[in-house]
Amino acid sequence: MQQPTQRIASIDIARGTVMVLMALDHVRDWVSNIRVRPEDLTRSWAALFFTTVMSSLIAHTAWYYLVGRYPVTSLSPITLLSPLFGIFFGVTLLDEV
Protein backbone atom coordinates (compact mmCIF):
# COMPACT_ATOMS: atom_id res chain seq x y z
CA MET A 1 0.00 0.00 0.00
CA GLN A 2 1.38 3.37 -1.01
CA GLN A 3 1.78 6.10 1.59
CA PRO A 4 -0.25 9.25 0.96
CA THR A 5 1.90 12.10 -0.28
CA GLN A 6 2.13 15.36 1.59
CA ARG A 7 0.36 18.33 0.03
CA ILE A 8 2.52 21.20 -1.17
CA ALA A 9 1.24 24.46 0.28
CA SER A 10 2.49 26.66 -2.55
CA ILE A 11 0.53 24.66 -5.13
CA ASP A 12 -2.61 24.90 -3.00
CA ILE A 13 -2.13 28.67 -2.72
CA ALA A 14 -1.64 29.01 -6.48
CA ARG A 15 -4.77 26.96 -7.17
CA GLY A 16 -6.76 29.03 -4.69
CA THR A 17 -5.53 32.26 -6.27
CA VAL A 18 -6.58 31.07 -9.73
CA MET A 19 -10.02 30.13 -8.42
CA VAL A 20 -10.48 33.56 -6.80
CA LEU A 21 -9.38 35.33 -10.00
CA MET A 22 -11.79 33.24 -12.05
CA ALA A 23 -14.62 34.08 -9.64
CA LEU A 24 -13.78 37.79 -9.85
CA ASP A 25 -13.76 37.56 -13.63
CA HIS A 26 -17.28 36.15 -13.61
CA VAL A 27 -18.63 38.99 -11.45
CA ARG A 28 -16.80 41.86 -13.19
CA ASP A 29 -20.07 43.22 -14.57
CA TRP A 30 -21.30 43.95 -11.05
CA VAL A 31 -18.08 45.51 -9.75
CA SER A 32 -16.89 47.52 -12.76
CA ASN A 33 -18.22 50.22 -15.05
CA ILE A 34 -16.28 48.90 -18.02
CA ARG A 35 -18.56 47.22 -20.52
CA VAL A 36 -16.36 45.18 -22.82
CA ARG A 37 -17.67 42.05 -24.44
CA PRO A 38 -14.75 39.77 -25.35
CA GLU A 39 -16.91 37.86 -27.84
CA ASP A 40 -17.51 41.04 -29.88
CA LEU A 41 -14.82 40.62 -32.54
CA THR A 42 -15.30 44.13 -33.92
CA ARG A 43 -13.63 45.48 -30.78
CA SER A 44 -11.38 42.60 -29.73
CA TRP A 45 -9.77 41.41 -32.97
CA ALA A 46 -6.46 43.13 -32.20
CA ALA A 47 -6.14 41.37 -28.86
CA LEU A 48 -7.04 38.06 -30.45
CA PHE A 49 -4.46 38.58 -33.21
CA PHE A 50 -1.78 39.56 -30.71
CA THR A 51 -2.51 36.56 -28.51
CA THR A 52 -2.47 34.04 -31.33
CA VAL A 53 0.39 35.39 -33.42
CA MET A 54 2.74 36.97 -30.91
CA SER A 55 2.54 34.52 -28.04
CA SER A 56 2.11 31.37 -30.07
CA LEU A 57 4.04 31.73 -33.28
CA ILE A 58 6.78 34.28 -32.63
CA ALA A 59 7.49 33.55 -28.96
CA HIS A 60 7.66 29.78 -29.38
CA THR A 61 9.81 30.09 -32.48
CA ALA A 62 12.21 32.39 -30.65
CA TRP A 63 12.28 30.12 -27.59
CA TYR A 64 13.14 26.99 -29.57
CA TYR A 65 15.76 28.90 -31.53
CA LEU A 66 17.40 30.06 -28.29
CA VAL A 67 17.20 26.60 -26.71
CA GLY A 68 19.00 25.19 -29.74
CA ARG A 69 21.83 27.72 -29.45
CA TYR A 70 22.31 28.23 -25.69
CA PRO A 71 22.15 26.02 -22.60
CA VAL A 72 18.78 25.94 -20.87
CA THR A 73 20.40 26.83 -17.55
CA SER A 74 21.40 30.23 -18.93
CA LEU A 75 18.00 30.86 -20.55
CA SER A 76 15.73 29.93 -17.66
CA PRO A 77 16.48 33.05 -15.54
CA ILE A 78 15.43 35.21 -18.49
CA THR A 79 11.96 33.67 -18.42
CA LEU A 80 11.50 35.13 -14.94
CA LEU A 81 11.60 38.58 -16.51
CA SER A 82 8.39 38.00 -18.49
CA PRO A 83 6.09 39.67 -15.91
CA LEU A 84 8.37 42.71 -15.79
CA PHE A 85 8.30 43.00 -19.58
CA GLY A 86 4.51 42.68 -19.48
CA ILE A 87 4.19 45.49 -16.97
CA PHE A 88 6.68 47.68 -18.82
CA PHE A 89 4.98 47.32 -22.21
CA GLY A 90 1.54 47.66 -20.65
CA VAL A 91 2.49 50.98 -19.11
CA THR A 92 4.45 52.33 -22.08
CA LEU A 93 2.37 51.10 -25.01
CA LEU A 94 -1.14 50.89 -23.56
CA ASP A 95 -0.99 53.64 -20.92
CA GLU A 96 -2.09 51.23 -18.21
CA VAL A 97 -1.71 52.36 -14.64
C-alpha atoms as a PDB file:
ATOM      1  CA  MET A   1       0.000   0.000   0.000  1.00  0.00           C
ATOM      2  CA  GLN A   2       1.381   3.373  -1.014  1.00  0.00           C
ATOM      3  CA  GLN A   3       1.780   6.102   1.586  1.00  0.00           C
ATOM      4  CA  PRO A   4      -0.251   9.253   0.961  1.00  0.00           C
ATOM      5  CA  THR A   5       1.902  12.103  -0.284  1.00  0.00           C
ATOM      6  CA  GLN A   6       2.125  15.359   1.587  1.00  0.00           C
ATOM      7  CA  ARG A   7       0.359  18.329   0.028  1.00  0.00           C
ATOM      8  CA  ILE A   8       2.520  21.196  -1.174  1.00  0.00           C
ATOM      9  CA  ALA A   9       1.241  24.458   0.276  1.00  0.00           C
ATOM     10  CA  SER A  10       2.488  26.662  -2.555  1.00  0.00           C
ATOM     11  CA  ILE A  11       0.533  24.657  -5.134  1.00  0.00           C
ATOM     12  CA  ASP A  12      -2.609  24.903  -3.002  1.00  0.00           C
ATOM     13  CA  ILE A  13      -2.126  28.672  -2.719  1.00  0.00           C
ATOM     14  CA  ALA A  14      -1.643  29.008  -6.484  1.00  0.00           C
ATOM     15  CA  ARG A  15      -4.774  26.961  -7.171  1.00  0.00           C
ATOM     16  CA  GLY A  16      -6.764  29.030  -4.686  1.00  0.00           C
ATOM     17  CA  THR A  17      -5.534  32.257  -6.265  1.00  0.00           C
ATOM     18  CA  VAL A  18      -6.576  31.072  -9.729  1.00  0.00           C
ATOM     19  CA  MET A  19     -10.022  30.130  -8.422  1.00  0.00           C
ATOM     20  CA  VAL A  20     -10.476  33.560  -6.801  1.00  0.00           C
ATOM     21  CA  LEU A  21      -9.377  35.333 -10.000  1.00  0.00           C
ATOM     22  CA  MET A  22     -11.789  33.242 -12.049  1.00  0.00           C
ATOM     23  CA  ALA A  23     -14.619  34.075  -9.642  1.00  0.00           C
ATOM     24  CA  LEU A  24     -13.780  37.789  -9.850  1.00  0.00           C
ATOM     25  CA  ASP A  25     -13.756  37.564 -13.633  1.00  0.00           C
ATOM     26  CA  HIS A  26     -17.282  36.151 -13.608  1.00  0.00           C
ATOM     27  CA  VAL A  27     -18.631  38.990 -11.455  1.00  0.00           C
ATOM     28  CA  ARG A  28     -16.798  41.856 -13.191  1.00  0.00           C
ATOM     29  CA  ASP A  29     -20.071  43.220 -14.574  1.00  0.00           C
ATOM     30  CA  TRP A  30     -21.299  43.947 -11.047  1.00  0.00           C
ATOM     31  CA  VAL A  31     -18.085  45.513  -9.746  1.00  0.00           C
ATOM     32  CA  SER A  32     -16.888  47.517 -12.763  1.00  0.00           C
ATOM     33  CA  ASN A  33     -18.223  50.224 -15.047  1.00  0.00           C
ATOM     34  CA  ILE A  34     -16.279  48.899 -18.021  1.00  0.00           C
ATOM     35  CA  ARG A  35     -18.561  47.220 -20.515  1.00  0.00           C
ATOM     36  CA  VAL A  36     -16.363  45.180 -22.815  1.00  0.00           C
ATOM     37  CA  ARG A  37     -17.668  42.053 -24.440  1.00  0.00           C
ATOM     38  CA  PRO A  38     -14.753  39.769 -25.353  1.00  0.00           C
ATOM     39  CA  GLU A  39     -16.911  37.859 -27.836  1.00  0.00           C
ATOM     40  CA  ASP A  40     -17.507  41.044 -29.879  1.00  0.00           C
ATOM     41  CA  LEU A  41     -14.818  40.619 -32.544  1.00  0.00           C
ATOM     42  CA  THR A  42     -15.300  44.126 -33.922  1.00  0.00           C
ATOM     43  CA  ARG A  43     -13.626  45.476 -30.778  1.00  0.00           C
ATOM     44  CA  SER A  44     -11.375  42.598 -29.730  1.00  0.00           C
ATOM     45  CA  TRP A  45      -9.774  41.410 -32.970  1.00  0.00           C
ATOM     46  CA  ALA A  46      -6.456  43.133 -32.197  1.00  0.00           C
ATOM     47  CA  ALA A  47      -6.142  41.370 -28.855  1.00  0.00           C
ATOM     48  CA  LEU A  48      -7.040  38.059 -30.454  1.00  0.00           C
ATOM     49  CA  PHE A  49      -4.459  38.584 -33.209  1.00  0.00           C
ATOM     50  CA  PHE A  50      -1.777  39.559 -30.712  1.00  0.00           C
ATOM     51  CA  THR A  51      -2.506  36.561 -28.509  1.00  0.00           C
ATOM     52  CA  THR A  52      -2.468  34.043 -31.334  1.00  0.00           C
ATOM     53  CA  VAL A  53       0.387  35.390 -33.416  1.00  0.00           C
ATOM     54  CA  MET A  54       2.737  36.973 -30.911  1.00  0.00           C
ATOM     55  CA  SER A  55       2.543  34.524 -28.045  1.00  0.00           C
ATOM     56  CA  SER A  56       2.109  31.370 -30.073  1.00  0.00           C
ATOM     57  CA  LEU A  57       4.044  31.733 -33.279  1.00  0.00           C
ATOM     58  CA  ILE A  58       6.776  34.275 -32.633  1.00  0.00           C
ATOM     59  CA  ALA A  59       7.487  33.552 -28.959  1.00  0.00           C
ATOM     60  CA  HIS A  60       7.657  29.777 -29.383  1.00  0.00           C
ATOM     61  CA  THR A  61       9.812  30.086 -32.475  1.00  0.00           C
ATOM     62  CA  ALA A  62      12.215  32.394 -30.653  1.00  0.00           C
ATOM     63  CA  TRP A  63      12.282  30.123 -27.595  1.00  0.00           C
ATOM     64  CA  TYR A  64      13.139  26.986 -29.573  1.00  0.00           C
ATOM     65  CA  TYR A  65      15.756  28.898 -31.534  1.00  0.00           C
ATOM     66  CA  LEU A  66      17.397  30.063 -28.292  1.00  0.00           C
ATOM     67  CA  VAL A  67      17.205  26.602 -26.713  1.00  0.00           C
ATOM     68  CA  GLY A  68      18.995  25.193 -29.741  1.00  0.00           C
ATOM     69  CA  ARG A  69      21.831  27.722 -29.452  1.00  0.00           C
ATOM     70  CA  TYR A  70      22.305  28.232 -25.694  1.00  0.00           C
ATOM     71  CA  PRO A  71      22.152  26.020 -22.604  1.00  0.00           C
ATOM     72  CA  VAL A  72      18.779  25.944 -20.874  1.00  0.00           C
ATOM     73  CA  THR A  73      20.405  26.834 -17.548  1.00  0.00           C
ATOM     74  CA  SER A  74      21.403  30.228 -18.929  1.00  0.00           C
ATOM     75  CA  LEU A  75      18.000  30.857 -20.553  1.00  0.00           C
ATOM     76  CA  SER A  76      15.733  29.933 -17.657  1.00  0.00           C
ATOM     77  CA  PRO A  77      16.476  33.054 -15.544  1.00  0.00           C
ATOM     78  CA  ILE A  78      15.431  35.210 -18.490  1.00  0.00           C
ATOM     79  CA  THR A  79      11.955  33.667 -18.417  1.00  0.00           C
ATOM     80  CA  LEU A  80      11.501  35.128 -14.938  1.00  0.00           C
ATOM     81  CA  LEU A  81      11.599  38.585 -16.515  1.00  0.00           C
ATOM     82  CA  SER A  82       8.389  38.002 -18.489  1.00  0.00           C
ATOM     83  CA  PRO A  83       6.094  39.668 -15.907  1.00  0.00           C
ATOM     84  CA  LEU A  84       8.365  42.709 -15.791  1.00  0.00           C
ATOM     85  CA  PHE A  85       8.299  43.004 -19.575  1.00  0.00           C
ATOM     86  CA  GLY A  86       4.511  42.684 -19.482  1.00  0.00           C
ATOM     87  CA  ILE A  87       4.189  45.492 -16.965  1.00  0.00           C
ATOM     88  CA  PHE A  88       6.680  47.678 -18.824  1.00  0.00           C
ATOM     89  CA  PHE A  89       4.981  47.317 -22.205  1.00  0.00           C
ATOM     90  CA  GLY A  90       1.535  47.658 -20.652  1.00  0.00           C
ATOM     91  CA  VAL A  91       2.492  50.982 -19.112  1.00  0.00           C
ATOM     92  CA  THR A  92       4.447  52.331 -22.084  1.00  0.00           C
ATOM     93  CA  LEU A  93       2.373  51.103 -25.005  1.00  0.00           C
ATOM     94  CA  LEU A  94      -1.142  50.889 -23.561  1.00  0.00           C
ATOM     95  CA  ASP A  95      -0.992  53.640 -20.916  1.00  0.00           C
ATOM     96  CA  GLU A  96      -2.089  51.225 -18.208  1.00  0.00           C
ATOM     97  CA  VAL A  97      -1.709  52.364 -14.644  1.00  0.00           C
END
